[in-house]
Structure formats: C-alpha cells, structure tokens
Amino acid sequence: MTPANQIPDPIEILDHPLKDRINLNRFIFCPGCLIGTVILSITNCLKESGLTFKDYAIVSGIGCTGRSSGCFKAPAFHTTHGRAIPFATGIKLANPKLK
C-alpha cells in the first residue's frame, strides 16, 4: 500500500482481468504496438482453454517480440536468434506432458 503523501503506482491501482496471468510491470512495448494485442490474445486463449501454468511453457526468439515471454506469469524462455523452435522442441521432448 502506498502512503497518503506519495503518488500511487498505477500498477497497484489497476484491477486487470488477466493480472493472474501476465506481469503488468514488465509490459515494455511502445504505445500502439500490436505486440500487446498478440499477448492479450494468447493470454485469453490460454485462460479460456483452462490450461494451468504447469501445462505449457512460453518460448520466444529475439527482438521486440522476443521480449514478450517475460510478460507471462508462466515458465518462459527467451532464446537466441533462430533457436526458439529447436528450444521448444527440446522442452517438449524433456516433458511430453506439456500441451
């Protein structure tokens, strides 16, 4: 809780419907960038599917879209250029129960 003489952090005030699935304080994308729309769509799909964080892992590559993996409150891996698919394949081979 913020003391009365300080300006509150907007993150403390927000009651985002997906706050249990995304890291609101790690959302670093530029205003108007569609990466946020993609993250929201993925998050909504995962929520509607009923999957828990133990059922999947998020894997991303490099660049702005690669930073999206840190926005999820789930096992997330930010890989090097061109290695996201091989990395995800390795995760699935190591844990076949993942969706």
N, C-alpha and C. Protein backbone atom coordinates (compact mmCIF):
# COMPACT_ATOMS: atom_id res chain seq x y z
N MET A 1 0.84 -1.18 0.00
CA MET A 1 0.00 0.00 0.00
C MET A 1 0.88 1.24 0.00
N THR A 2 0.47 2.25 -0.72
CA THR A 2 1.23 3.49 -0.84
C THR A 2 0.80 4.47 0.25
N PRO A 3 1.77 5.10 0.96
CA PRO A 3 1.41 6.13 1.94
C PRO A 3 0.65 7.28 1.28
N ALA A 4 -0.18 7.97 2.07
CA ALA A 4 -1.04 9.03 1.54
C ALA A 4 -0.27 10.18 0.93
N ASN A 5 0.97 10.42 1.34
CA ASN A 5 1.72 11.56 0.81
C ASN A 5 2.53 11.22 -0.44
N GLN A 6 2.39 10.03 -0.98
CA GLN A 6 3.10 9.65 -2.20
C GLN A 6 2.11 9.36 -3.32
N ILE A 7 2.59 9.54 -4.54
CA ILE A 7 1.77 9.22 -5.70
C ILE A 7 1.74 7.70 -5.85
N PRO A 8 0.57 7.10 -5.93
CA PRO A 8 0.49 5.64 -6.03
C PRO A 8 0.99 5.13 -7.38
N ASP A 9 1.54 3.96 -7.35
CA ASP A 9 1.97 3.29 -8.57
C ASP A 9 0.72 2.84 -9.32
N PRO A 10 0.58 3.18 -10.61
CA PRO A 10 -0.62 2.78 -11.36
C PRO A 10 -0.85 1.27 -11.33
N ILE A 11 0.22 0.48 -11.24
CA ILE A 11 0.07 -0.97 -11.21
C ILE A 11 -0.67 -1.41 -9.95
N GLU A 12 -0.49 -0.68 -8.83
CA GLU A 12 -1.19 -1.02 -7.60
C GLU A 12 -2.68 -0.72 -7.70
N ILE A 13 -3.05 0.24 -8.53
CA ILE A 13 -4.44 0.67 -8.65
C ILE A 13 -5.21 -0.23 -9.61
N LEU A 14 -4.57 -0.65 -10.68
CA LEU A 14 -5.25 -1.41 -11.72
C LEU A 14 -5.80 -2.73 -11.22
N ASP A 15 -6.96 -3.08 -11.69
CA ASP A 15 -7.52 -4.39 -11.43
C ASP A 15 -7.72 -5.05 -12.78
N HIS A 16 -6.63 -5.45 -13.39
CA HIS A 16 -6.65 -6.02 -14.73
C HIS A 16 -7.24 -7.42 -14.69
N PRO A 17 -8.13 -7.76 -15.62
CA PRO A 17 -8.77 -9.08 -15.60
C PRO A 17 -7.80 -10.25 -15.82
N LEU A 18 -6.63 -9.98 -16.35
CA LEU A 18 -5.65 -11.05 -16.59
C LEU A 18 -4.42 -10.91 -15.71
N LYS A 19 -4.54 -10.18 -14.60
CA LYS A 19 -3.37 -9.93 -13.76
C LYS A 19 -2.78 -11.20 -13.16
N ASP A 20 -3.56 -12.28 -13.11
CA ASP A 20 -3.02 -13.54 -12.60
C ASP A 20 -2.20 -14.28 -13.66
N ARG A 21 -2.22 -13.79 -14.90
CA ARG A 21 -1.52 -14.47 -15.99
C ARG A 21 -0.43 -13.65 -16.67
N ILE A 22 -0.46 -12.32 -16.51
CA ILE A 22 0.58 -11.50 -17.13
C ILE A 22 1.25 -10.61 -16.09
N ASN A 23 2.50 -10.26 -16.35
CA ASN A 23 3.26 -9.36 -15.48
C ASN A 23 3.03 -7.93 -15.96
N LEU A 24 2.15 -7.22 -15.30
CA LEU A 24 1.82 -5.86 -15.74
C LEU A 24 3.00 -4.92 -15.65
N ASN A 25 3.89 -5.13 -14.70
CA ASN A 25 5.03 -4.23 -14.55
C ASN A 25 6.16 -4.54 -15.53
N ARG A 26 6.04 -5.58 -16.32
CA ARG A 26 7.07 -5.92 -17.30
C ARG A 26 6.59 -5.65 -18.72
N PHE A 27 5.48 -4.98 -18.87
CA PHE A 27 4.94 -4.70 -20.19
C PHE A 27 5.64 -3.46 -20.73
N ILE A 28 6.62 -3.65 -21.61
CA ILE A 28 7.54 -2.59 -22.01
C ILE A 28 7.31 -2.07 -23.43
N PHE A 29 6.28 -2.51 -24.09
CA PHE A 29 6.13 -2.21 -25.51
C PHE A 29 5.59 -0.80 -25.75
N CYS A 30 5.93 -0.26 -26.89
CA CYS A 30 5.55 1.10 -27.26
C CYS A 30 4.03 1.22 -27.41
N PRO A 31 3.47 2.38 -27.07
CA PRO A 31 2.05 2.60 -27.29
C PRO A 31 1.72 2.42 -28.78
N GLY A 32 0.67 1.72 -29.06
CA GLY A 32 0.28 1.48 -30.43
C GLY A 32 0.90 0.24 -31.04
N CYS A 33 1.84 -0.37 -30.36
CA CYS A 33 2.49 -1.58 -30.85
C CYS A 33 1.49 -2.74 -30.75
N LEU A 34 1.41 -3.55 -31.78
CA LEU A 34 0.45 -4.65 -31.78
C LEU A 34 0.93 -5.88 -31.02
N ILE A 35 2.15 -5.85 -30.50
CA ILE A 35 2.62 -6.98 -29.71
C ILE A 35 1.72 -7.17 -28.49
N GLY A 36 1.27 -6.08 -27.90
CA GLY A 36 0.35 -6.17 -26.76
C GLY A 36 -0.94 -6.87 -27.13
N THR A 37 -1.45 -6.64 -28.33
CA THR A 37 -2.66 -7.31 -28.79
C THR A 37 -2.43 -8.80 -28.92
N VAL A 38 -1.27 -9.18 -29.43
CA VAL A 38 -0.93 -10.60 -29.57
C VAL A 38 -0.82 -11.25 -28.19
N ILE A 39 -0.14 -10.59 -27.25
CA ILE A 39 -0.01 -11.12 -25.89
C ILE A 39 -1.39 -11.29 -25.25
N LEU A 40 -2.25 -10.30 -25.41
CA LEU A 40 -3.60 -10.38 -24.87
C LEU A 40 -4.37 -11.56 -25.49
N SER A 41 -4.24 -11.74 -26.79
CA SER A 41 -4.93 -12.84 -27.47
C SER A 41 -4.44 -14.20 -26.98
N ILE A 42 -3.13 -14.36 -26.86
CA ILE A 42 -2.56 -15.61 -26.36
C ILE A 42 -3.03 -15.87 -24.94
N THR A 43 -2.99 -14.84 -24.11
CA THR A 43 -3.39 -14.98 -22.71
C THR A 43 -4.86 -15.35 -22.60
N ASN A 44 -5.72 -14.72 -23.39
CA ASN A 44 -7.14 -15.06 -23.37
C ASN A 44 -7.38 -16.50 -23.81
N CYS A 45 -6.68 -16.93 -24.85
CA CYS A 45 -6.83 -18.31 -25.33
C CYS A 45 -6.41 -19.32 -24.26
N LEU A 46 -5.27 -19.04 -23.60
CA LEU A 46 -4.80 -19.95 -22.56
C LEU A 46 -5.77 -19.98 -21.38
N LYS A 47 -6.32 -18.84 -21.03
CA LYS A 47 -7.28 -18.78 -19.92
C LYS A 47 -8.56 -19.54 -20.27
N GLU A 48 -9.08 -19.32 -21.48
CA GLU A 48 -10.32 -19.97 -21.90
C GLU A 48 -10.14 -21.48 -22.07
N SER A 49 -8.93 -21.92 -22.38
CA SER A 49 -8.68 -23.35 -22.57
C SER A 49 -8.64 -24.10 -21.25
N GLY A 50 -8.49 -23.37 -20.16
CA GLY A 50 -8.44 -24.00 -18.85
C GLY A 50 -7.08 -24.57 -18.49
N LEU A 51 -6.07 -24.29 -19.30
CA LEU A 51 -4.72 -24.78 -19.01
C LEU A 51 -4.13 -24.04 -17.82
N THR A 52 -3.36 -24.73 -17.02
CA THR A 52 -2.64 -24.10 -15.92
C THR A 52 -1.20 -23.88 -16.34
N PHE A 53 -0.44 -23.17 -15.51
CA PHE A 53 0.95 -22.87 -15.84
C PHE A 53 1.80 -24.13 -15.92
N LYS A 54 1.35 -25.21 -15.33
CA LYS A 54 2.09 -26.47 -15.38
C LYS A 54 1.87 -27.20 -16.71
N ASP A 55 0.92 -26.71 -17.52
CA ASP A 55 0.57 -27.39 -18.76
C ASP A 55 1.32 -26.88 -19.99
N TYR A 56 1.99 -25.75 -19.88
CA TYR A 56 2.65 -25.17 -21.05
C TYR A 56 3.86 -24.34 -20.65
N ALA A 57 4.65 -23.99 -21.65
CA ALA A 57 5.79 -23.08 -21.48
C ALA A 57 5.75 -22.08 -22.63
N ILE A 58 6.19 -20.88 -22.39
CA ILE A 58 6.26 -19.84 -23.41
C ILE A 58 7.71 -19.76 -23.89
N VAL A 59 7.91 -19.83 -25.20
CA VAL A 59 9.24 -19.72 -25.79
C VAL A 59 9.21 -18.62 -26.83
N SER A 60 10.18 -17.71 -26.77
CA SER A 60 10.24 -16.62 -27.75
C SER A 60 11.65 -16.46 -28.28
N GLY A 61 11.74 -15.79 -29.41
CA GLY A 61 13.04 -15.55 -30.04
C GLY A 61 13.64 -14.23 -29.59
N ILE A 62 14.19 -13.50 -30.55
CA ILE A 62 14.93 -12.29 -30.23
C ILE A 62 14.20 -11.07 -30.80
N GLY A 63 14.55 -9.91 -30.36
CA GLY A 63 13.92 -8.67 -30.83
C GLY A 63 12.76 -8.29 -29.94
N CYS A 64 11.95 -7.36 -30.40
CA CYS A 64 10.82 -6.88 -29.59
C CYS A 64 9.87 -8.02 -29.23
N THR A 65 9.54 -8.85 -30.20
CA THR A 65 8.62 -9.95 -29.91
C THR A 65 9.23 -10.94 -28.93
N GLY A 66 10.53 -11.06 -28.95
CA GLY A 66 11.21 -11.95 -28.02
C GLY A 66 11.04 -11.52 -26.58
N ARG A 67 10.91 -10.24 -26.37
CA ARG A 67 10.72 -9.72 -25.01
C ARG A 67 9.35 -10.08 -24.45
N SER A 68 8.46 -10.53 -25.30
CA SER A 68 7.10 -10.85 -24.85
C SER A 68 7.06 -12.00 -23.86
N SER A 69 8.03 -12.90 -23.91
CA SER A 69 8.00 -14.05 -23.00
C SER A 69 8.03 -13.62 -21.53
N GLY A 70 8.67 -12.50 -21.25
CA GLY A 70 8.73 -12.01 -19.87
C GLY A 70 7.43 -11.41 -19.37
N CYS A 71 6.47 -11.23 -20.25
CA CYS A 71 5.18 -10.66 -19.85
C CYS A 71 4.24 -11.69 -19.24
N PHE A 72 4.53 -12.96 -19.47
CA PHE A 72 3.64 -14.01 -18.99
C PHE A 72 4.06 -14.49 -17.61
N LYS A 73 3.07 -14.77 -16.77
CA LYS A 73 3.33 -15.39 -15.47
C LYS A 73 3.26 -16.90 -15.68
N ALA A 74 4.26 -17.41 -16.34
CA ALA A 74 4.34 -18.82 -16.69
C ALA A 74 5.80 -19.14 -16.96
N PRO A 75 6.15 -20.42 -17.04
CA PRO A 75 7.52 -20.75 -17.43
C PRO A 75 7.80 -20.14 -18.81
N ALA A 76 8.79 -19.28 -18.90
CA ALA A 76 9.06 -18.55 -20.14
C ALA A 76 10.55 -18.56 -20.43
N PHE A 77 10.88 -18.69 -21.72
CA PHE A 77 12.26 -18.78 -22.15
C PHE A 77 12.49 -17.84 -23.32
N HIS A 78 13.47 -16.98 -23.21
CA HIS A 78 13.86 -16.02 -24.24
C HIS A 78 15.13 -16.58 -24.88
N THR A 79 15.02 -17.04 -26.11
CA THR A 79 16.14 -17.74 -26.76
C THR A 79 16.87 -16.83 -27.75
N THR A 80 17.95 -17.33 -28.28
CA THR A 80 18.72 -16.58 -29.27
C THR A 80 18.09 -16.69 -30.65
N HIS A 81 18.58 -15.90 -31.58
CA HIS A 81 18.05 -15.82 -32.94
C HIS A 81 17.99 -17.20 -33.60
N GLY A 82 16.82 -17.55 -34.08
CA GLY A 82 16.64 -18.80 -34.82
C GLY A 82 16.59 -20.05 -33.98
N ARG A 83 16.53 -19.90 -32.66
CA ARG A 83 16.58 -21.09 -31.81
C ARG A 83 15.29 -21.35 -31.03
N ALA A 84 14.25 -20.57 -31.25
CA ALA A 84 13.02 -20.74 -30.47
C ALA A 84 12.36 -22.09 -30.74
N ILE A 85 12.24 -22.48 -32.00
CA ILE A 85 11.59 -23.76 -32.31
C ILE A 85 12.41 -24.95 -31.82
N PRO A 86 13.74 -25.00 -32.08
CA PRO A 86 14.51 -26.11 -31.50
C PRO A 86 14.45 -26.14 -29.97
N PHE A 87 14.46 -24.98 -29.35
CA PHE A 87 14.38 -24.91 -27.89
C PHE A 87 13.04 -25.45 -27.40
N ALA A 88 11.95 -25.04 -28.06
CA ALA A 88 10.62 -25.52 -27.69
C ALA A 88 10.50 -27.03 -27.91
N THR A 89 11.12 -27.52 -28.97
CA THR A 89 11.12 -28.96 -29.23
C THR A 89 11.83 -29.70 -28.10
N GLY A 90 12.95 -29.16 -27.65
CA GLY A 90 13.68 -29.76 -26.54
C GLY A 90 12.86 -29.78 -25.26
N ILE A 91 12.12 -28.71 -25.00
CA ILE A 91 11.26 -28.66 -23.81
C ILE A 91 10.19 -29.74 -23.89
N LYS A 92 9.58 -29.88 -25.06
CA LYS A 92 8.52 -30.88 -25.24
C LYS A 92 9.08 -32.30 -25.12
N LEU A 93 10.27 -32.54 -25.67
CA LEU A 93 10.89 -33.86 -25.55
C LEU A 93 11.23 -34.18 -24.09
N ALA A 94 11.67 -33.17 -23.36
CA ALA A 94 12.02 -33.37 -21.96
C ALA A 94 10.78 -33.56 -21.08
N ASN A 95 9.67 -32.96 -21.49
CA ASN A 95 8.43 -33.06 -20.71
C ASN A 95 7.26 -33.26 -21.67
N PRO A 96 7.02 -34.50 -22.12
CA PRO A 96 5.96 -34.76 -23.10
C PRO A 96 4.55 -34.41 -22.64
N LYS A 97 4.35 -34.21 -21.34
CA LYS A 97 3.01 -33.88 -20.83
C LYS A 97 2.60 -32.45 -21.16
N LEU A 98 3.54 -31.60 -21.57
CA LEU A 98 3.20 -30.22 -21.92
C LEU A 98 2.31 -30.19 -23.15
N LYS A 99 1.41 -29.22 -23.18
CA LYS A 99 0.49 -29.06 -24.31
C LYS A 99 1.13 -28.23 -25.40
